[in-house]
């Protein structure tokens, strides 16, 4: 019988997409250009985007991975590099930042951002991708 304790799954309190995350000297974060959906041109290429994820109720070591799922085809079209974290206080919230760049959508329509901790899904957020002909409006909103 193993005495190794398995870390409880953390809770994801927020998944936010934005154009930029800035951390000041005090460690405070400023999220600018919050993104609800992606409005892209005919190439279906997403602009560079930052993912902010707030993790709570965690104790132990976790490997976080974010995937982008195309709900129309049920395919994974993007996956982040793993981010390893260690949390010692379950009352502490931890802000995790990941960059999403070079994401190539296959279709317009509904997609999910899915957050995994140690291979288990802990949360997801839905967004839409639409083509906009007017280049002034192309980008994330």
N, C-alpha and C. Protein backbone atom coordinates (compact mmCIF):
# COMPACT_ATOMS: atom_id res chain seq x y z
N UNK A 1 0.85 -1.18 0.00
CA UNK A 1 0.00 0.00 0.00
C UNK A 1 0.89 1.24 0.00
N UNK A 2 0.60 2.17 -0.88
CA UNK A 2 1.37 3.41 -1.01
C UNK A 2 0.93 4.42 0.02
N UNK A 3 1.90 5.13 0.59
CA UNK A 3 1.58 6.18 1.55
C UNK A 3 1.66 7.56 0.91
N UNK A 4 1.96 7.60 -0.39
CA UNK A 4 2.04 8.87 -1.10
C UNK A 4 0.65 9.49 -1.19
N UNK A 5 0.53 10.74 -0.75
CA UNK A 5 -0.76 11.43 -0.77
C UNK A 5 -0.99 12.07 -2.13
N UNK A 6 -2.19 11.89 -2.65
CA UNK A 6 -2.56 12.48 -3.93
C UNK A 6 -3.10 13.89 -3.67
N UNK A 7 -2.60 14.86 -4.44
CA UNK A 7 -3.06 16.24 -4.28
C UNK A 7 -4.52 16.36 -4.68
N UNK A 8 -5.33 17.08 -3.88
CA UNK A 8 -6.73 17.29 -4.27
C UNK A 8 -6.78 18.20 -5.49
N UNK A 9 -7.81 18.02 -6.31
CA UNK A 9 -7.93 18.88 -7.49
C UNK A 9 -8.20 20.31 -7.06
N UNK A 10 -7.50 21.27 -7.64
CA UNK A 10 -7.76 22.67 -7.33
C UNK A 10 -9.04 23.14 -7.98
N UNK A 11 -9.49 24.31 -7.56
CA UNK A 11 -10.67 24.95 -8.14
C UNK A 11 -10.18 26.11 -8.99
N UNK A 12 -10.73 26.23 -10.17
CA UNK A 12 -10.41 27.34 -11.06
C UNK A 12 -11.50 28.39 -10.90
N UNK A 13 -11.17 29.53 -10.30
CA UNK A 13 -12.14 30.58 -10.03
C UNK A 13 -12.33 31.54 -11.19
N UNK A 14 -11.37 31.58 -12.10
CA UNK A 14 -11.47 32.51 -13.24
C UNK A 14 -10.64 32.01 -14.40
N UNK A 15 -11.20 32.12 -15.59
CA UNK A 15 -10.47 31.93 -16.84
C UNK A 15 -10.78 33.16 -17.69
N UNK A 16 -9.78 34.00 -17.88
CA UNK A 16 -9.97 35.22 -18.65
C UNK A 16 -8.95 35.30 -19.77
N UNK A 17 -9.41 35.65 -20.94
CA UNK A 17 -8.53 35.93 -22.07
C UNK A 17 -8.38 37.44 -22.20
N UNK A 18 -7.18 37.89 -22.48
CA UNK A 18 -6.97 39.33 -22.67
C UNK A 18 -5.81 39.55 -23.62
N UNK A 19 -5.72 40.77 -24.09
CA UNK A 19 -4.65 41.11 -25.04
C UNK A 19 -3.30 41.21 -24.35
N UNK A 20 -3.30 41.65 -23.07
CA UNK A 20 -2.03 41.83 -22.37
C UNK A 20 -2.23 41.74 -20.87
N UNK A 21 -1.25 41.15 -20.19
CA UNK A 21 -1.21 41.13 -18.73
C UNK A 21 0.10 41.81 -18.33
N UNK A 22 -0.02 42.81 -17.46
CA UNK A 22 1.15 43.55 -16.99
C UNK A 22 1.26 43.36 -15.49
N UNK A 23 2.47 42.99 -15.03
CA UNK A 23 2.73 42.82 -13.61
C UNK A 23 3.62 43.98 -13.16
N UNK A 24 3.16 44.74 -12.16
CA UNK A 24 3.96 45.88 -11.69
C UNK A 24 4.96 45.43 -10.63
N UNK A 25 5.74 46.38 -10.11
CA UNK A 25 6.79 46.08 -9.14
C UNK A 25 6.26 45.46 -7.85
N UNK A 26 5.01 45.75 -7.50
CA UNK A 26 4.43 45.20 -6.27
C UNK A 26 3.84 43.80 -6.48
N UNK A 27 3.83 43.35 -7.73
CA UNK A 27 3.27 42.03 -8.04
C UNK A 27 1.81 42.08 -8.45
N UNK A 28 1.22 43.27 -8.48
CA UNK A 28 -0.18 43.40 -8.90
C UNK A 28 -0.28 43.21 -10.41
N UNK A 29 -1.38 42.57 -10.82
CA UNK A 29 -1.60 42.32 -12.23
C UNK A 29 -2.65 43.27 -12.79
N UNK A 30 -2.42 43.72 -14.02
CA UNK A 30 -3.40 44.50 -14.76
C UNK A 30 -3.69 43.75 -16.04
N UNK A 31 -4.96 43.41 -16.24
CA UNK A 31 -5.40 42.72 -17.45
C UNK A 31 -6.03 43.75 -18.36
N UNK A 32 -5.52 43.87 -19.59
CA UNK A 32 -6.06 44.86 -20.52
C UNK A 32 -6.60 44.15 -21.76
N UNK A 33 -7.62 44.74 -22.34
CA UNK A 33 -8.20 44.20 -23.56
C UNK A 33 -8.85 42.85 -23.36
N UNK A 34 -9.78 42.75 -22.40
CA UNK A 34 -10.45 41.48 -22.16
C UNK A 34 -11.12 40.96 -23.42
N UNK A 35 -10.98 39.67 -23.67
CA UNK A 35 -11.46 39.03 -24.89
C UNK A 35 -12.62 38.10 -24.55
N UNK A 36 -13.77 38.33 -25.19
CA UNK A 36 -14.91 37.43 -25.01
C UNK A 36 -14.99 36.42 -26.13
N UNK A 37 -14.73 36.88 -27.35
CA UNK A 37 -14.79 36.05 -28.55
C UNK A 37 -13.68 36.48 -29.49
N UNK A 38 -13.37 35.64 -30.47
CA UNK A 38 -12.36 35.99 -31.47
C UNK A 38 -13.04 36.36 -32.78
N UNK A 39 -12.69 37.53 -33.30
CA UNK A 39 -13.15 37.98 -34.61
C UNK A 39 -11.91 38.01 -35.49
N UNK A 40 -11.88 37.13 -36.48
CA UNK A 40 -10.68 36.91 -37.29
C UNK A 40 -10.98 37.16 -38.77
N UNK A 41 -9.90 37.25 -39.56
CA UNK A 41 -10.08 37.36 -41.01
C UNK A 41 -10.15 35.95 -41.61
N UNK A 42 -10.08 35.87 -42.92
CA UNK A 42 -10.24 34.59 -43.63
C UNK A 42 -9.17 33.55 -43.27
N UNK A 43 -8.04 33.99 -42.72
CA UNK A 43 -6.98 33.04 -42.36
C UNK A 43 -7.31 32.25 -41.09
N UNK A 44 -8.31 32.71 -40.34
CA UNK A 44 -8.73 32.06 -39.08
C UNK A 44 -7.60 31.98 -38.05
N UNK A 45 -6.70 32.96 -38.09
CA UNK A 45 -5.58 33.00 -37.15
C UNK A 45 -5.90 33.93 -35.99
N UNK A 46 -5.73 33.42 -34.78
CA UNK A 46 -6.00 34.23 -33.58
C UNK A 46 -4.85 35.20 -33.34
N UNK A 47 -5.17 36.41 -32.88
CA UNK A 47 -4.10 37.33 -32.50
C UNK A 47 -3.44 36.82 -31.21
N UNK A 48 -2.20 37.25 -30.91
CA UNK A 48 -1.57 36.84 -29.65
C UNK A 48 -2.46 37.23 -28.47
N UNK A 49 -2.65 36.29 -27.56
CA UNK A 49 -3.58 36.48 -26.44
C UNK A 49 -2.96 35.87 -25.19
N UNK A 50 -3.27 36.48 -24.05
CA UNK A 50 -2.82 35.96 -22.76
C UNK A 50 -4.01 35.30 -22.05
N UNK A 51 -3.74 34.22 -21.34
CA UNK A 51 -4.75 33.55 -20.54
C UNK A 51 -4.42 33.76 -19.07
N UNK A 52 -5.39 34.28 -18.33
CA UNK A 52 -5.28 34.45 -16.88
C UNK A 52 -6.17 33.41 -16.23
N UNK A 53 -5.62 32.64 -15.32
CA UNK A 53 -6.37 31.60 -14.63
C UNK A 53 -6.08 31.74 -13.14
N UNK A 54 -7.13 31.83 -12.33
CA UNK A 54 -6.94 31.92 -10.88
C UNK A 54 -7.31 30.59 -10.24
N UNK A 55 -6.35 30.02 -9.52
CA UNK A 55 -6.49 28.71 -8.90
C UNK A 55 -6.62 28.88 -7.38
N UNK A 56 -7.57 28.15 -6.77
CA UNK A 56 -7.75 28.17 -5.32
C UNK A 56 -7.96 26.74 -4.83
N UNK A 57 -8.07 26.60 -3.51
CA UNK A 57 -8.35 25.31 -2.86
C UNK A 57 -7.37 24.23 -3.30
N UNK A 58 -6.11 24.60 -3.42
CA UNK A 58 -5.08 23.67 -3.88
C UNK A 58 -4.06 23.44 -2.78
N UNK A 59 -3.57 22.22 -2.71
CA UNK A 59 -2.45 21.86 -1.83
C UNK A 59 -1.65 20.79 -2.54
N UNK A 60 -0.39 21.09 -2.80
CA UNK A 60 0.47 20.10 -3.43
C UNK A 60 1.03 20.59 -4.75
N UNK A 61 1.51 19.63 -5.52
CA UNK A 61 2.14 19.92 -6.82
C UNK A 61 1.15 19.62 -7.93
N UNK A 62 1.15 20.51 -8.91
CA UNK A 62 0.23 20.37 -10.04
C UNK A 62 0.96 20.69 -11.34
N UNK A 63 0.56 20.00 -12.36
CA UNK A 63 0.99 20.33 -13.72
C UNK A 63 -0.25 20.82 -14.44
N UNK A 64 -0.27 22.12 -14.79
CA UNK A 64 -1.41 22.73 -15.47
C UNK A 64 -1.18 22.74 -16.97
N UNK A 65 -2.23 22.39 -17.70
CA UNK A 65 -2.21 22.43 -19.16
C UNK A 65 -3.54 23.01 -19.61
N UNK A 66 -3.49 23.83 -20.65
CA UNK A 66 -4.71 24.39 -21.23
C UNK A 66 -4.83 23.88 -22.65
N UNK A 67 -6.03 23.44 -23.00
CA UNK A 67 -6.31 23.01 -24.36
C UNK A 67 -7.41 23.86 -24.96
N UNK A 68 -7.36 24.03 -26.27
CA UNK A 68 -8.43 24.69 -27.01
C UNK A 68 -9.15 23.60 -27.81
N UNK A 69 -10.45 23.47 -27.58
CA UNK A 69 -11.26 22.45 -28.24
C UNK A 69 -12.21 23.10 -29.24
N UNK A 70 -12.25 22.57 -30.44
CA UNK A 70 -13.23 22.97 -31.45
C UNK A 70 -14.48 22.14 -31.20
N UNK A 71 -15.56 22.77 -30.75
CA UNK A 71 -16.76 22.03 -30.40
C UNK A 71 -17.51 21.51 -31.62
N UNK A 72 -17.27 22.10 -32.79
CA UNK A 72 -17.92 21.64 -34.02
C UNK A 72 -17.36 20.31 -34.51
N UNK A 73 -16.06 20.09 -34.28
CA UNK A 73 -15.42 18.86 -34.75
C UNK A 73 -14.97 17.95 -33.61
N UNK A 74 -15.11 18.43 -32.38
CA UNK A 74 -14.65 17.68 -31.18
C UNK A 74 -13.15 17.39 -31.23
N UNK A 75 -12.39 18.31 -31.81
CA UNK A 75 -10.94 18.13 -31.90
C UNK A 75 -10.22 19.13 -30.99
N UNK A 76 -9.06 18.72 -30.49
CA UNK A 76 -8.16 19.62 -29.77
C UNK A 76 -7.31 20.32 -30.82
N UNK A 77 -7.41 21.66 -30.88
CA UNK A 77 -6.67 22.39 -31.91
C UNK A 77 -5.48 23.15 -31.35
N UNK A 78 -5.34 23.17 -30.03
CA UNK A 78 -4.21 23.84 -29.41
C UNK A 78 -3.99 23.33 -28.00
N UNK A 79 -2.74 23.34 -27.58
CA UNK A 79 -2.40 22.88 -26.22
C UNK A 79 -1.21 23.70 -25.74
N UNK A 80 -1.30 24.17 -24.50
CA UNK A 80 -0.20 24.95 -23.93
C UNK A 80 0.93 24.02 -23.50
N UNK A 81 2.09 24.62 -23.31
CA UNK A 81 3.18 23.91 -22.64
C UNK A 81 2.75 23.73 -21.18
N UNK A 82 3.14 22.65 -20.53
CA UNK A 82 2.77 22.46 -19.12
C UNK A 82 3.39 23.55 -18.23
N UNK A 83 2.63 23.96 -17.24
CA UNK A 83 3.10 24.89 -16.22
C UNK A 83 3.03 24.16 -14.88
N UNK A 84 4.18 24.01 -14.22
CA UNK A 84 4.22 23.32 -12.93
C UNK A 84 4.11 24.33 -11.81
N UNK A 85 3.24 24.03 -10.85
CA UNK A 85 3.07 24.89 -9.68
C UNK A 85 3.10 24.03 -8.42
N UNK A 86 3.44 24.65 -7.31
CA UNK A 86 3.35 23.99 -6.01
C UNK A 86 2.67 24.96 -5.05
N UNK A 87 1.65 24.47 -4.37
CA UNK A 87 0.87 25.29 -3.45
C UNK A 87 0.94 24.66 -2.07
N UNK A 88 1.28 25.49 -1.06
CA UNK A 88 1.40 24.96 0.30
C UNK A 88 0.24 25.37 1.20
N UNK A 89 -0.48 26.43 0.82
CA UNK A 89 -1.58 26.94 1.64
C UNK A 89 -2.89 26.85 0.85
N UNK A 90 -3.84 26.01 1.30
CA UNK A 90 -5.10 25.87 0.56
C UNK A 90 -5.95 27.13 0.53
N UNK A 91 -5.66 28.08 1.40
CA UNK A 91 -6.43 29.33 1.43
C UNK A 91 -5.86 30.38 0.48
N UNK A 92 -4.70 30.08 -0.07
CA UNK A 92 -4.05 31.01 -1.00
C UNK A 92 -4.64 30.86 -2.40
N UNK A 93 -4.80 31.96 -3.10
CA UNK A 93 -5.17 31.87 -4.51
C UNK A 93 -3.91 32.16 -5.32
N UNK A 94 -3.81 31.47 -6.42
CA UNK A 94 -2.63 31.57 -7.26
C UNK A 94 -3.05 32.02 -8.66
N UNK A 95 -2.40 33.07 -9.16
CA UNK A 95 -2.67 33.56 -10.50
C UNK A 95 -1.69 32.92 -11.47
N UNK A 96 -2.22 32.26 -12.48
CA UNK A 96 -1.39 31.59 -13.48
C UNK A 96 -1.60 32.28 -14.82
N UNK A 97 -0.51 32.61 -15.48
CA UNK A 97 -0.56 33.28 -16.78
C UNK A 97 0.03 32.36 -17.84
N UNK A 98 -0.66 32.27 -18.96
CA UNK A 98 -0.15 31.48 -20.09
C UNK A 98 -0.36 32.28 -21.36
N UNK A 99 0.58 32.16 -22.27
CA UNK A 99 0.48 32.86 -23.54
C UNK A 99 -0.12 31.94 -24.60
N UNK A 100 -1.04 32.50 -25.39
CA UNK A 100 -1.61 31.77 -26.52
C UNK A 100 -1.22 32.54 -27.77
N UNK A 101 -0.32 31.96 -28.54
CA UNK A 101 0.08 32.62 -29.78
C UNK A 101 0.16 31.58 -30.89
N UNK A 102 -0.07 32.03 -32.09
CA UNK A 102 -0.01 31.14 -33.22
C UNK A 102 -1.16 30.16 -33.31
N UNK A 103 -2.26 30.47 -32.64
CA UNK A 103 -3.41 29.57 -32.66
C UNK A 103 -4.13 29.68 -34.00
N UNK A 104 -4.25 28.58 -34.68
CA UNK A 104 -4.91 28.52 -35.97
C UNK A 104 -6.22 27.76 -35.83
N UNK A 105 -7.34 28.48 -35.94
CA UNK A 105 -8.64 27.83 -35.89
C UNK A 105 -8.90 27.09 -37.19
N UNK A 106 -9.63 26.01 -37.11
CA UNK A 106 -10.01 25.24 -38.29
C UNK A 106 -11.39 25.65 -38.80
N UNK A 107 -12.22 26.17 -37.87
CA UNK A 107 -13.61 26.54 -38.19
C UNK A 107 -14.01 27.76 -37.38
N UNK A 108 -15.08 28.40 -37.85
CA UNK A 108 -15.75 29.38 -37.01
C UNK A 108 -16.68 28.61 -36.08
N UNK A 109 -17.30 29.32 -35.16
CA UNK A 109 -18.25 28.66 -34.26
C UNK A 109 -17.71 28.55 -32.85
N UNK A 110 -18.33 27.66 -32.07
CA UNK A 110 -18.03 27.54 -30.65
C UNK A 110 -16.76 26.71 -30.39
N UNK A 111 -16.01 27.19 -29.41
CA UNK A 111 -14.78 26.54 -28.95
C UNK A 111 -14.76 26.60 -27.43
N UNK A 112 -13.96 25.75 -26.82
CA UNK A 112 -13.77 25.76 -25.37
C UNK A 112 -12.29 25.91 -25.04
N UNK A 113 -12.03 26.65 -23.97
CA UNK A 113 -10.74 26.64 -23.31
C UNK A 113 -10.92 25.67 -22.14
N UNK A 114 -10.08 24.64 -22.08
CA UNK A 114 -10.20 23.63 -21.03
C UNK A 114 -8.93 23.63 -20.21
N UNK A 115 -9.07 23.77 -18.88
CA UNK A 115 -7.93 23.80 -17.97
C UNK A 115 -7.84 22.45 -17.26
N UNK A 116 -6.63 21.87 -17.30
CA UNK A 116 -6.37 20.58 -16.66
C UNK A 116 -5.33 20.76 -15.56
N UNK A 117 -5.50 20.03 -14.46
CA UNK A 117 -4.51 19.95 -13.39
C UNK A 117 -4.19 18.48 -13.20
N UNK A 118 -2.93 18.12 -13.37
CA UNK A 118 -2.49 16.72 -13.26
C UNK A 118 -3.34 15.78 -14.12
N UNK A 119 -3.68 16.26 -15.32
CA UNK A 119 -4.41 15.45 -16.27
C UNK A 119 -5.91 15.39 -16.08
N UNK A 120 -6.44 16.05 -15.05
CA UNK A 120 -7.88 16.07 -14.78
C UNK A 120 -8.45 17.44 -15.11
N UNK A 121 -9.58 17.48 -15.82
CA UNK A 121 -10.22 18.75 -16.14
C UNK A 121 -10.72 19.41 -14.86
N UNK A 122 -10.38 20.71 -14.70
CA UNK A 122 -10.88 21.45 -13.53
C UNK A 122 -11.84 22.57 -13.92
N UNK A 123 -11.81 23.01 -15.17
CA UNK A 123 -12.77 24.03 -15.60
C UNK A 123 -12.68 24.22 -17.11
N UNK A 124 -13.70 24.88 -17.65
CA UNK A 124 -13.70 25.22 -19.07
C UNK A 124 -14.49 26.50 -19.27
N UNK A 125 -14.16 27.19 -20.36
CA UNK A 125 -14.84 28.44 -20.73
C UNK A 125 -15.09 28.42 -22.22
N UNK A 126 -16.30 28.75 -22.61
CA UNK A 126 -16.69 28.73 -24.02
C UNK A 126 -16.49 30.10 -24.66
N UNK A 127 -16.09 30.10 -25.93
CA UNK A 127 -16.00 31.33 -26.71
C UNK A 127 -16.35 31.00 -28.15
N UNK A 128 -16.55 32.04 -28.93
CA UNK A 128 -16.94 31.87 -30.32
C UNK A 128 -15.87 32.48 -31.23
N UNK A 129 -15.77 31.92 -32.43
CA UNK A 129 -14.88 32.44 -33.46
C UNK A 129 -15.74 32.83 -34.65
N UNK A 130 -15.56 34.05 -35.14
CA UNK A 130 -16.33 34.53 -36.29
C UNK A 130 -15.41 35.27 -37.24
N UNK A 131 -15.73 35.19 -38.52
CA UNK A 131 -14.97 35.93 -39.54
C UNK A 131 -15.60 37.31 -39.71
N UNK A 132 -14.73 38.31 -39.71
CA UNK A 132 -15.16 39.69 -39.93
C UNK A 132 -14.43 40.19 -41.16
N UNK A 133 -15.19 40.69 -42.12
CA UNK A 133 -14.60 41.17 -43.38
C UNK A 133 -13.87 42.49 -43.21
N UNK A 134 -14.37 43.36 -42.34
CA UNK A 134 -13.80 44.68 -42.13
C UNK A 134 -12.54 44.55 -41.28
N UNK A 135 -11.36 44.81 -41.87
CA UNK A 135 -10.10 44.62 -41.16
C UNK A 135 -9.97 45.50 -39.93
N UNK A 136 -10.73 46.58 -39.84
CA UNK A 136 -10.67 47.43 -38.66
C UNK A 136 -11.13 46.68 -37.43
N UNK A 137 -12.06 45.73 -37.60
CA UNK A 137 -12.62 45.02 -36.47
C UNK A 137 -12.00 43.65 -36.23
N UNK A 138 -11.00 43.28 -37.01
CA UNK A 138 -10.38 41.97 -36.84
C UNK A 138 -9.58 41.96 -35.55
N UNK A 139 -9.73 40.92 -34.77
CA UNK A 139 -9.00 40.78 -33.51
C UNK A 139 -9.89 40.17 -32.47
N UNK A 140 -9.44 40.21 -31.27
CA UNK A 140 -10.19 39.60 -30.18
C UNK A 140 -11.01 40.67 -29.47
N UNK A 141 -12.26 40.33 -29.16
CA UNK A 141 -13.13 41.22 -28.39
C UNK A 141 -13.84 40.41 -27.33
